């Protein structure tokens, strides 16, 4: 395709509908944007990372994360993992397909920091602290069923029967969901 909808616009359309983003970025060989409110970057979208919605080409979730992480940090990586839109391996493959782009080293570091698959910035920080302190025996995002309801434990030490909840109200859809996680 001449132009591919990419970055936050693709994420909002494909897997992150509540993303607060008004910019539309497109990748392609074309230099001139089709409208003044669209940004065009002269970059080709690798074929393996194209997703079609009808006649519209979009960057895949894995590629959108790589594009967004350059300016947004770890947030799009965490959100993608939480929503199950792409795996870390898919994100690494997308990054490898677009070498020599500004910000790739930062994205690579963020992906390396995501090895425990954080679902939020606070979880990412918690994982890094545990790793730096060389504390082992923990796992993340552990599914737990109580009274027919599903919960996820942010960090758990199964052998010690310790569960740690890190996220504050901001990462829950409403007050009831926040209280239920307590």
N, C-alpha and C. Protein backbone atom coordinates (compact mmCIF):
# COMPACT_ATOMS: atom_id res chain seq x y z
N UNK A 1 0.82 -1.20 0.00
CA UNK A 1 0.00 0.00 0.00
C UNK A 1 0.86 1.26 0.00
N UNK A 2 0.31 2.32 -0.58
CA UNK A 2 1.05 3.60 -0.60
C UNK A 2 1.21 4.17 0.80
N UNK A 3 0.15 4.12 1.58
CA UNK A 3 0.19 4.63 2.95
C UNK A 3 -0.48 3.63 3.89
N UNK A 4 0.09 3.51 5.08
CA UNK A 4 -0.44 2.62 6.11
C UNK A 4 -0.77 3.43 7.35
N UNK A 5 -1.94 3.25 7.91
CA UNK A 5 -2.29 3.91 9.17
C UNK A 5 -1.45 3.25 10.25
N UNK A 6 -0.73 4.07 11.02
CA UNK A 6 0.22 3.51 11.96
C UNK A 6 0.15 4.19 13.31
N UNK A 7 1.04 3.78 14.18
CA UNK A 7 1.23 4.34 15.51
C UNK A 7 -0.10 4.38 16.28
N UNK A 8 -0.36 5.48 17.00
CA UNK A 8 -1.52 5.56 17.89
C UNK A 8 -2.85 5.43 17.14
N UNK A 9 -2.94 5.95 15.93
CA UNK A 9 -4.19 5.84 15.17
C UNK A 9 -4.52 4.38 14.88
N UNK A 10 -3.51 3.58 14.53
CA UNK A 10 -3.74 2.15 14.30
C UNK A 10 -4.09 1.45 15.60
N UNK A 11 -3.40 1.80 16.68
CA UNK A 11 -3.70 1.19 17.98
C UNK A 11 -5.14 1.47 18.39
N UNK A 12 -5.56 2.72 18.23
CA UNK A 12 -6.92 3.10 18.62
C UNK A 12 -7.96 2.34 17.79
N UNK A 13 -7.69 2.16 16.51
CA UNK A 13 -8.64 1.48 15.63
C UNK A 13 -8.66 -0.04 15.85
N UNK A 14 -7.51 -0.62 16.18
CA UNK A 14 -7.41 -2.08 16.21
C UNK A 14 -7.54 -2.71 17.60
N UNK A 15 -6.95 -2.10 18.62
CA UNK A 15 -6.91 -2.81 19.90
C UNK A 15 -6.97 -1.94 21.15
N UNK A 16 -6.89 -0.63 21.03
CA UNK A 16 -6.90 0.26 22.19
C UNK A 16 -7.92 1.37 21.97
N UNK A 17 -9.21 1.05 21.94
CA UNK A 17 -10.23 2.03 21.55
C UNK A 17 -10.34 3.23 22.48
N UNK A 18 -9.96 3.09 23.75
CA UNK A 18 -10.07 4.21 24.68
C UNK A 18 -8.78 5.04 24.77
N UNK A 19 -7.83 4.82 23.88
CA UNK A 19 -6.61 5.62 23.83
C UNK A 19 -6.96 7.08 23.54
N UNK A 20 -6.46 7.98 24.35
CA UNK A 20 -6.70 9.41 24.16
C UNK A 20 -5.64 9.96 23.22
N UNK A 21 -5.91 9.92 21.95
CA UNK A 21 -4.95 10.35 20.94
C UNK A 21 -5.73 10.89 19.75
N UNK A 22 -5.34 12.08 19.29
CA UNK A 22 -6.04 12.70 18.18
C UNK A 22 -5.22 12.77 16.91
N UNK A 23 -3.96 12.38 16.97
CA UNK A 23 -3.11 12.47 15.79
C UNK A 23 -3.27 11.23 14.91
N UNK A 24 -3.11 11.42 13.64
CA UNK A 24 -3.10 10.30 12.70
C UNK A 24 -1.76 10.31 12.00
N UNK A 25 -1.04 9.22 12.19
CA UNK A 25 0.26 9.08 11.54
C UNK A 25 0.14 7.95 10.52
N UNK A 26 0.75 8.19 9.37
CA UNK A 26 0.76 7.17 8.33
C UNK A 26 2.20 6.94 7.90
N UNK A 27 2.49 5.72 7.51
CA UNK A 27 3.80 5.38 6.98
C UNK A 27 3.64 5.05 5.51
N UNK A 28 4.62 5.44 4.71
CA UNK A 28 4.59 5.08 3.30
C UNK A 28 5.62 5.86 2.50
N UNK A 29 5.68 5.53 1.22
CA UNK A 29 6.64 6.16 0.32
C UNK A 29 6.20 7.56 -0.07
N UNK A 30 4.92 7.82 0.04
CA UNK A 30 4.36 9.12 -0.32
C UNK A 30 4.86 10.19 0.65
N UNK A 31 5.23 11.33 0.13
CA UNK A 31 5.72 12.41 0.99
C UNK A 31 4.61 13.32 1.47
N UNK A 32 3.66 13.59 0.62
CA UNK A 32 2.62 14.56 0.94
C UNK A 32 1.46 13.88 1.65
N UNK A 33 1.06 14.48 2.75
CA UNK A 33 -0.07 13.96 3.51
C UNK A 33 -1.36 14.22 2.73
N UNK A 34 -2.30 13.25 2.77
CA UNK A 34 -3.56 13.44 2.06
C UNK A 34 -4.45 14.52 2.67
N UNK A 35 -4.17 14.94 3.91
CA UNK A 35 -4.91 16.01 4.56
C UNK A 35 -3.98 16.69 5.57
N UNK A 36 -4.28 17.92 5.92
CA UNK A 36 -3.39 18.70 6.81
C UNK A 36 -3.32 18.12 8.22
N UNK A 37 -4.32 17.37 8.64
CA UNK A 37 -4.35 16.83 10.00
C UNK A 37 -3.73 15.42 10.08
N UNK A 38 -3.07 14.99 9.01
CA UNK A 38 -2.41 13.69 8.96
C UNK A 38 -0.90 13.91 8.82
N UNK A 39 -0.12 13.18 9.59
CA UNK A 39 1.34 13.21 9.49
C UNK A 39 1.80 11.99 8.71
N UNK A 40 2.70 12.19 7.76
CA UNK A 40 3.23 11.07 6.98
C UNK A 40 4.72 10.94 7.24
N UNK A 41 5.14 9.73 7.58
CA UNK A 41 6.55 9.42 7.76
C UNK A 41 6.99 8.56 6.59
N UNK A 42 8.12 8.88 6.03
CA UNK A 42 8.64 8.10 4.90
C UNK A 42 9.30 6.84 5.41
N UNK A 43 8.50 5.89 5.75
CA UNK A 43 8.95 4.59 6.22
C UNK A 43 8.01 3.54 5.64
N UNK A 44 8.57 2.46 5.22
CA UNK A 44 7.76 1.37 4.69
C UNK A 44 7.30 0.47 5.84
N UNK A 45 6.05 0.06 5.81
CA UNK A 45 5.54 -0.90 6.79
C UNK A 45 5.89 -2.29 6.29
N UNK A 46 6.65 -3.06 7.08
CA UNK A 46 6.97 -4.43 6.65
C UNK A 46 5.69 -5.24 6.41
N UNK A 47 5.65 -5.98 5.32
CA UNK A 47 4.45 -6.74 4.94
C UNK A 47 3.95 -7.66 6.06
N UNK A 48 4.88 -8.26 6.81
CA UNK A 48 4.47 -9.17 7.88
C UNK A 48 3.77 -8.44 9.02
N UNK A 49 3.84 -7.12 9.02
CA UNK A 49 3.24 -6.34 10.09
C UNK A 49 2.12 -5.43 9.59
N UNK A 50 1.47 -5.86 8.52
CA UNK A 50 0.28 -5.18 7.98
C UNK A 50 -0.96 -5.94 8.42
N UNK A 51 -1.98 -5.21 8.77
CA UNK A 51 -3.29 -5.77 9.10
C UNK A 51 -4.31 -5.01 8.27
N UNK A 52 -5.17 -5.72 7.60
CA UNK A 52 -6.17 -5.07 6.76
C UNK A 52 -7.53 -5.09 7.43
N UNK A 53 -8.18 -3.94 7.43
CA UNK A 53 -9.58 -3.81 7.86
C UNK A 53 -10.32 -3.30 6.63
N UNK A 54 -10.96 -4.22 5.92
CA UNK A 54 -11.57 -3.86 4.66
C UNK A 54 -10.47 -3.46 3.69
N UNK A 55 -10.56 -2.27 3.11
CA UNK A 55 -9.55 -1.79 2.18
C UNK A 55 -8.46 -0.95 2.84
N UNK A 56 -8.52 -0.82 4.16
CA UNK A 56 -7.59 0.06 4.88
C UNK A 56 -6.44 -0.75 5.47
N UNK A 57 -5.19 -0.38 5.12
CA UNK A 57 -4.04 -1.04 5.72
C UNK A 57 -3.62 -0.35 7.03
N UNK A 58 -3.42 -1.15 8.05
CA UNK A 58 -2.98 -0.67 9.36
C UNK A 58 -1.68 -1.37 9.74
N UNK A 59 -0.87 -0.71 10.53
CA UNK A 59 0.28 -1.37 11.15
C UNK A 59 -0.28 -2.34 12.20
N UNK A 60 0.34 -3.49 12.33
CA UNK A 60 -0.11 -4.51 13.29
C UNK A 60 0.05 -3.99 14.72
N UNK A 61 -0.65 -4.63 15.68
CA UNK A 61 -0.47 -4.21 17.07
C UNK A 61 0.99 -4.20 17.52
N UNK A 62 1.77 -5.22 17.15
CA UNK A 62 3.18 -5.27 17.56
C UNK A 62 3.96 -4.08 17.02
N UNK A 63 3.71 -3.71 15.78
CA UNK A 63 4.43 -2.58 15.19
C UNK A 63 3.95 -1.26 15.77
N UNK A 64 2.65 -1.13 16.04
CA UNK A 64 2.16 0.13 16.63
C UNK A 64 2.80 0.38 17.99
N UNK A 65 3.01 -0.69 18.75
CA UNK A 65 3.64 -0.55 20.07
C UNK A 65 5.05 0.00 19.92
N UNK A 66 5.81 -0.57 19.00
CA UNK A 66 7.18 -0.12 18.76
C UNK A 66 7.17 1.36 18.35
N UNK A 67 6.25 1.73 17.48
CA UNK A 67 6.16 3.11 17.03
C UNK A 67 5.83 4.05 18.20
N UNK A 68 4.86 3.66 19.01
CA UNK A 68 4.42 4.53 20.12
C UNK A 68 5.41 4.58 21.26
N UNK A 69 6.11 3.49 21.53
CA UNK A 69 7.04 3.45 22.67
C UNK A 69 8.18 4.45 22.50
N UNK A 70 8.46 4.84 21.29
CA UNK A 70 9.53 5.83 21.07
C UNK A 70 9.22 7.13 21.78
N UNK A 71 7.96 7.53 21.81
CA UNK A 71 7.62 8.81 22.45
C UNK A 71 6.83 8.66 23.74
N UNK A 72 6.23 7.47 23.96
CA UNK A 72 5.38 7.27 25.14
C UNK A 72 6.02 6.39 26.20
N UNK A 73 7.22 5.86 25.94
CA UNK A 73 7.86 5.00 26.92
C UNK A 73 7.21 3.63 27.00
N UNK A 74 7.17 3.07 28.21
CA UNK A 74 6.68 1.71 28.40
C UNK A 74 5.18 1.55 28.40
N UNK A 75 4.42 2.65 28.50
CA UNK A 75 2.96 2.55 28.57
C UNK A 75 2.33 1.71 27.46
N UNK A 76 2.64 1.94 26.18
CA UNK A 76 2.00 1.11 25.15
C UNK A 76 2.40 -0.36 25.22
N UNK A 77 3.62 -0.64 25.68
CA UNK A 77 4.04 -2.04 25.84
C UNK A 77 3.19 -2.69 26.93
N UNK A 78 3.08 -2.02 28.07
CA UNK A 78 2.31 -2.55 29.19
C UNK A 78 0.85 -2.76 28.80
N UNK A 79 0.28 -1.78 28.13
CA UNK A 79 -1.14 -1.86 27.74
C UNK A 79 -1.37 -2.99 26.73
N UNK A 80 -0.44 -3.17 25.82
CA UNK A 80 -0.56 -4.25 24.83
C UNK A 80 -0.50 -5.61 25.50
N UNK A 81 0.41 -5.76 26.45
CA UNK A 81 0.51 -7.02 27.18
C UNK A 81 -0.74 -7.26 28.01
N UNK A 82 -1.25 -6.22 28.67
CA UNK A 82 -2.46 -6.36 29.50
C UNK A 82 -3.66 -6.77 28.66
N UNK A 83 -3.76 -6.21 27.46
CA UNK A 83 -4.90 -6.51 26.59
C UNK A 83 -4.69 -7.76 25.75
N UNK A 84 -3.46 -8.28 25.73
CA UNK A 84 -3.18 -9.47 24.93
C UNK A 84 -3.17 -9.19 23.44
N UNK A 85 -2.90 -7.94 23.05
CA UNK A 85 -2.93 -7.57 21.63
C UNK A 85 -1.70 -8.05 20.87
N UNK A 86 -0.57 -8.21 21.55
CA UNK A 86 0.67 -8.70 20.93
C UNK A 86 1.57 -9.23 22.03
N UNK A 87 2.44 -10.15 21.67
CA UNK A 87 3.39 -10.71 22.64
C UNK A 87 4.70 -9.93 22.58
N UNK A 88 5.52 -10.11 23.60
CA UNK A 88 6.85 -9.49 23.60
C UNK A 88 7.66 -9.97 22.40
N UNK A 89 7.55 -11.24 22.07
CA UNK A 89 8.28 -11.77 20.93
C UNK A 89 7.84 -11.09 19.63
N UNK A 90 6.55 -10.88 19.46
CA UNK A 90 6.06 -10.18 18.26
C UNK A 90 6.57 -8.73 18.22
N UNK A 91 6.62 -8.08 19.38
CA UNK A 91 7.14 -6.71 19.43
C UNK A 91 8.62 -6.68 19.06
N UNK A 92 9.38 -7.65 19.56
CA UNK A 92 10.81 -7.73 19.21
C UNK A 92 11.00 -7.97 17.71
N UNK A 93 10.16 -8.83 17.13
CA UNK A 93 10.23 -9.08 15.69
C UNK A 93 9.91 -7.82 14.90
N UNK A 94 8.90 -7.07 15.34
CA UNK A 94 8.55 -5.82 14.66
C UNK A 94 9.72 -4.83 14.73
N UNK A 95 10.34 -4.73 15.89
CA UNK A 95 11.48 -3.83 16.05
C UNK A 95 12.62 -4.23 15.11
N UNK A 96 12.86 -5.53 15.00
CA UNK A 96 13.94 -6.02 14.13
C UNK A 96 13.68 -5.73 12.66
N UNK A 97 12.42 -5.60 12.29
CA UNK A 97 12.06 -5.35 10.88
C UNK A 97 12.19 -3.88 10.47
N UNK A 98 12.42 -3.01 11.43
CA UNK A 98 12.57 -1.58 11.11
C UNK A 98 13.86 -1.05 11.71
N UNK A 99 15.00 -1.58 11.26
CA UNK A 99 16.29 -1.14 11.83
C UNK A 99 16.59 0.31 11.46
N UNK A 100 17.49 0.89 12.17
CA UNK A 100 18.01 2.23 11.88
C UNK A 100 16.97 3.34 12.06
N UNK A 101 15.93 3.09 12.83
CA UNK A 101 14.94 4.14 13.11
C UNK A 101 15.33 4.83 14.42
N UNK A 102 15.12 6.14 14.46
CA UNK A 102 15.38 6.87 15.70
C UNK A 102 14.56 6.28 16.84
N UNK A 103 15.18 6.12 17.98
CA UNK A 103 14.47 5.62 19.15
C UNK A 103 14.48 4.12 19.31
N UNK A 104 15.05 3.37 18.36
CA UNK A 104 15.04 1.91 18.46
C UNK A 104 15.78 1.40 19.70
N UNK A 105 16.88 2.05 20.06
CA UNK A 105 17.62 1.61 21.25
C UNK A 105 16.79 1.76 22.51
N UNK A 106 16.04 2.85 22.60
CA UNK A 106 15.16 3.05 23.75
C UNK A 106 14.08 1.98 23.80
N UNK A 107 13.48 1.69 22.65
CA UNK A 107 12.42 0.67 22.60
C UNK A 107 13.00 -0.69 22.97
N UNK A 108 14.19 -1.00 22.48
CA UNK A 108 14.84 -2.28 22.81
C UNK A 108 15.04 -2.40 24.32
N UNK A 109 15.50 -1.34 24.98
CA UNK A 109 15.68 -1.35 26.43
C UNK A 109 14.34 -1.57 27.14
N UNK A 110 13.30 -0.88 26.67
CA UNK A 110 11.98 -1.04 27.28
C UNK A 110 11.46 -2.47 27.12
N UNK A 111 11.68 -3.06 25.95
CA UNK A 111 11.25 -4.45 25.74
C UNK A 111 12.03 -5.40 26.65
N UNK A 112 13.32 -5.14 26.82
CA UNK A 112 14.13 -5.95 27.73
C UNK A 112 13.62 -5.82 29.16
N UNK A 113 13.22 -4.61 29.55
CA UNK A 113 12.68 -4.39 30.90
C UNK A 113 11.30 -5.03 31.08
N UNK A 114 10.70 -5.46 30.00
CA UNK A 114 9.34 -6.02 30.05
C UNK A 114 9.32 -7.54 30.13
N UNK A 115 10.48 -8.15 30.41
CA UNK A 115 10.57 -9.62 30.37
C UNK A 115 9.58 -10.31 31.31
N UNK A 116 9.13 -9.64 32.36
CA UNK A 116 8.14 -10.23 33.28
C UNK A 116 6.72 -9.83 32.91
N UNK A 117 6.56 -9.17 31.79
CA UNK A 117 5.27 -8.77 31.22
C UNK A 117 4.42 -7.90 32.14
N UNK A 118 4.91 -6.70 32.45
CA UNK A 118 4.13 -5.79 33.29
C UNK A 118 2.88 -5.29 32.56
N UNK A 119 1.86 -5.01 33.34
CA UNK A 119 0.62 -4.46 32.78
C UNK A 119 0.46 -2.99 33.13
N UNK A 120 1.45 -2.41 33.79
CA UNK A 120 1.40 -0.98 34.13
C UNK A 120 2.82 -0.50 34.42
N UNK A 121 2.97 0.82 34.47
CA UNK A 121 4.27 1.41 34.79
C UNK A 121 4.71 1.03 36.20
N UNK A 122 3.76 1.02 37.14
CA UNK A 122 4.09 0.67 38.51
C UNK A 122 4.55 -0.79 38.61
N UNK A 123 3.90 -1.69 37.87
CA UNK A 123 4.34 -3.09 37.84
C UNK A 123 5.74 -3.19 37.25
N UNK A 124 6.00 -2.45 36.18
CA UNK A 124 7.33 -2.46 35.55
C UNK A 124 8.38 -2.05 36.59
N UNK A 125 8.10 -1.00 37.35
CA UNK A 125 9.05 -0.55 38.38
C UNK A 125 9.23 -1.60 39.46
N UNK A 126 8.15 -2.24 39.87
CA UNK A 126 8.24 -3.31 40.87
C UNK A 126 9.08 -4.47 40.39
N UNK A 127 8.88 -4.86 39.14
CA UNK A 127 9.67 -5.96 38.56
C UNK A 127 11.15 -5.60 38.52
N UNK A 128 11.45 -4.37 38.11
CA UNK A 128 12.85 -3.93 38.05
C UNK A 128 13.50 -3.93 39.44
N UNK A 129 12.75 -3.48 40.45
CA UNK A 129 13.28 -3.47 41.82
C UNK A 129 13.58 -4.90 42.30
N UNK A 130 12.67 -5.82 42.03
CA UNK A 130 12.90 -7.21 42.43
C UNK A 130 14.10 -7.80 41.70
N UNK A 131 14.21 -7.52 40.41
CA UNK A 131 15.36 -8.02 39.63
C UNK A 131 16.67 -7.44 40.16
N UNK A 132 16.69 -6.14 40.40
CA UNK A 132 17.93 -5.50 40.88
C UNK A 132 18.35 -6.02 42.24
N UNK A 133 17.37 -6.37 43.07
CA UNK A 133 17.66 -6.91 44.40
C UNK A 133 17.94 -8.42 44.34
N UNK A 134 17.86 -8.99 43.14
CA UNK A 134 18.10 -10.42 42.91
C UNK A 134 17.14 -11.30 43.72
N UNK A 135 15.92 -10.82 43.86
CA UNK A 135 14.89 -11.58 44.55
C UNK A 135 14.23 -12.49 43.51
N UNK A 136 14.13 -13.76 43.81
CA UNK A 136 13.57 -14.74 42.88
C UNK A 136 12.36 -15.43 43.49
N UNK A 137 11.77 -16.34 42.72
CA UNK A 137 10.65 -17.12 43.23
C UNK A 137 9.31 -16.44 43.07
N UNK A 138 9.24 -15.44 42.20
CA UNK A 138 8.00 -14.71 42.00
C UNK A 138 7.54 -14.83 40.55
N UNK A 139 6.26 -14.63 40.36
CA UNK A 139 5.66 -14.64 39.04
C UNK A 139 4.71 -13.45 38.95
N UNK A 140 4.23 -13.18 37.73
CA UNK A 140 3.38 -12.00 37.54
C UNK A 140 2.06 -12.35 36.87
N UNK A 141 1.10 -11.48 37.07
CA UNK A 141 -0.21 -11.58 36.44
C UNK A 141 -0.80 -12.98 36.58
N UNK A 142 -0.84 -13.45 37.80
CA UNK A 142 -1.30 -14.80 38.11
C UNK A 142 -2.83 -14.80 38.20
N UNK A 143 -3.44 -15.62 37.38
CA UNK A 143 -4.90 -15.71 37.38
C UNK A 143 -5.37 -16.43 38.63
N UNK A 144 -6.39 -15.86 39.28
CA UNK A 144 -6.94 -16.41 40.51
C UNK A 144 -8.46 -16.30 40.45
N UNK A 145 -9.13 -17.39 40.78
CA UNK A 145 -10.60 -17.39 40.81
C UNK A 145 -11.06 -17.47 42.27
N UNK A 146 -11.92 -16.53 42.67
CA UNK A 146 -12.52 -16.52 44.00
C UNK A 146 -14.02 -16.29 43.86
N UNK A 147 -14.78 -17.22 44.41
CA UNK A 147 -16.24 -17.11 44.37
C UNK A 147 -16.75 -16.82 42.96
N UNK A 148 -16.17 -17.49 41.96
CA UNK A 148 -16.62 -17.35 40.58
C UNK A 148 -16.15 -16.09 39.88
N UNK A 149 -15.32 -15.28 40.54
CA UNK A 149 -14.78 -14.07 39.91
C UNK A 149 -13.30 -14.25 39.64
N UNK A 150 -12.86 -13.73 38.48
CA UNK A 150 -11.45 -13.82 38.10
C UNK A 150 -10.71 -12.56 38.51
N UNK A 151 -9.54 -12.77 39.11
CA UNK A 151 -8.65 -11.71 39.52
C UNK A 151 -7.26 -12.01 38.98
N UNK A 152 -6.42 -11.00 38.91
CA UNK A 152 -5.02 -11.21 38.54
C UNK A 152 -4.15 -10.62 39.63
N UNK A 153 -3.23 -11.43 40.12
CA UNK A 153 -2.28 -10.98 41.13
C UNK A 153 -1.09 -10.36 40.39
N UNK A 154 -0.74 -9.13 40.74
CA UNK A 154 0.35 -8.43 40.06
C UNK A 154 1.68 -9.17 40.23
N UNK A 155 2.03 -9.48 41.46
CA UNK A 155 3.25 -10.23 41.76
C UNK A 155 2.90 -11.25 42.83
N UNK A 156 3.31 -12.48 42.61
CA UNK A 156 3.02 -13.52 43.59
C UNK A 156 4.22 -14.39 43.88
N UNK A 157 4.39 -14.69 45.14
CA UNK A 157 5.39 -15.64 45.61
C UNK A 157 4.62 -16.88 46.04
N UNK A 158 4.41 -17.83 45.12
CA UNK A 158 3.56 -19.00 45.37
C UNK A 158 4.04 -19.81 46.57
N UNK A 159 5.35 -20.07 46.65
CA UNK A 159 5.88 -20.89 47.74
C UNK A 159 5.63 -20.25 49.10
N UNK A 160 5.59 -18.94 49.15
CA UNK A 160 5.37 -18.22 50.41
C UNK A 160 3.91 -17.82 50.61
N UNK A 161 3.10 -18.07 49.59
CA UNK A 161 1.68 -17.68 49.62
C UNK A 161 1.52 -16.19 49.88
N UNK A 162 2.31 -15.40 49.12
CA UNK A 162 2.24 -13.94 49.22
C UNK A 162 1.80 -13.39 47.88
N UNK A 163 0.82 -12.51 47.92
CA UNK A 163 0.33 -11.82 46.73
C UNK A 163 0.51 -10.32 46.93
N UNK A 164 0.99 -9.65 45.87
CA UNK A 164 1.22 -8.20 45.94
C UNK A 164 0.40 -7.52 44.85
N UNK A 165 -0.42 -6.56 45.24
CA UNK A 165 -1.19 -5.74 44.31
C UNK A 165 -0.52 -4.38 44.26
N UNK A 166 -0.11 -3.97 43.05
CA UNK A 166 0.64 -2.72 42.91
C UNK A 166 -0.17 -1.55 42.36
N UNK A 167 -1.14 -1.80 41.53
CA UNK A 167 -1.80 -0.73 40.81
C UNK A 167 -2.81 0.01 41.67
N UNK A 168 -2.81 1.31 41.51
CA UNK A 168 -3.79 2.13 42.18
C UNK A 168 -5.07 2.23 41.36
N UNK A 169 -5.93 3.12 41.75
CA UNK A 169 -7.25 3.27 41.13
C UNK A 169 -7.18 3.52 39.63
N UNK A 170 -6.16 4.23 39.20
CA UNK A 170 -6.01 4.61 37.79
C UNK A 170 -6.07 3.42 36.82
N UNK A 171 -5.65 2.23 37.25
CA UNK A 171 -5.58 1.08 36.36
C UNK A 171 -6.81 0.18 36.45
N UNK A 172 -7.85 0.65 37.08
CA UNK A 172 -9.10 -0.11 37.17
C UNK A 172 -10.19 0.69 36.45
N UNK A 173 -11.14 -0.04 35.93
CA UNK A 173 -12.17 0.62 35.13
C UNK A 173 -13.12 1.49 35.96
N UNK A 174 -13.30 1.13 37.23
CA UNK A 174 -14.18 1.92 38.09
C UNK A 174 -13.84 1.65 39.56
N UNK A 175 -14.49 2.37 40.46
CA UNK A 175 -14.21 2.24 41.90
C UNK A 175 -14.50 0.82 42.38
N UNK A 176 -15.57 0.19 41.91
CA UNK A 176 -15.93 -1.17 42.36
C UNK A 176 -14.82 -2.17 41.98
N UNK A 177 -14.29 -2.03 40.78
CA UNK A 177 -13.20 -2.91 40.32
C UNK A 177 -11.95 -2.69 41.17
N UNK A 178 -11.67 -1.45 41.51
CA UNK A 178 -10.53 -1.11 42.36
C UNK A 178 -10.70 -1.76 43.75
N UNK A 179 -11.86 -1.61 44.35
CA UNK A 179 -12.12 -2.17 45.68
C UNK A 179 -12.10 -3.69 45.65
N UNK A 180 -12.61 -4.30 44.59
CA UNK A 180 -12.66 -5.75 44.46
C UNK A 180 -11.24 -6.35 44.43
N UNK A 181 -10.28 -5.62 43.87
CA UNK A 181 -8.89 -6.10 43.82
C UNK A 181 -8.19 -6.06 45.18
N UNK A 182 -8.75 -5.41 46.15
CA UNK A 182 -8.10 -5.30 47.45
C UNK A 182 -8.09 -6.61 48.13
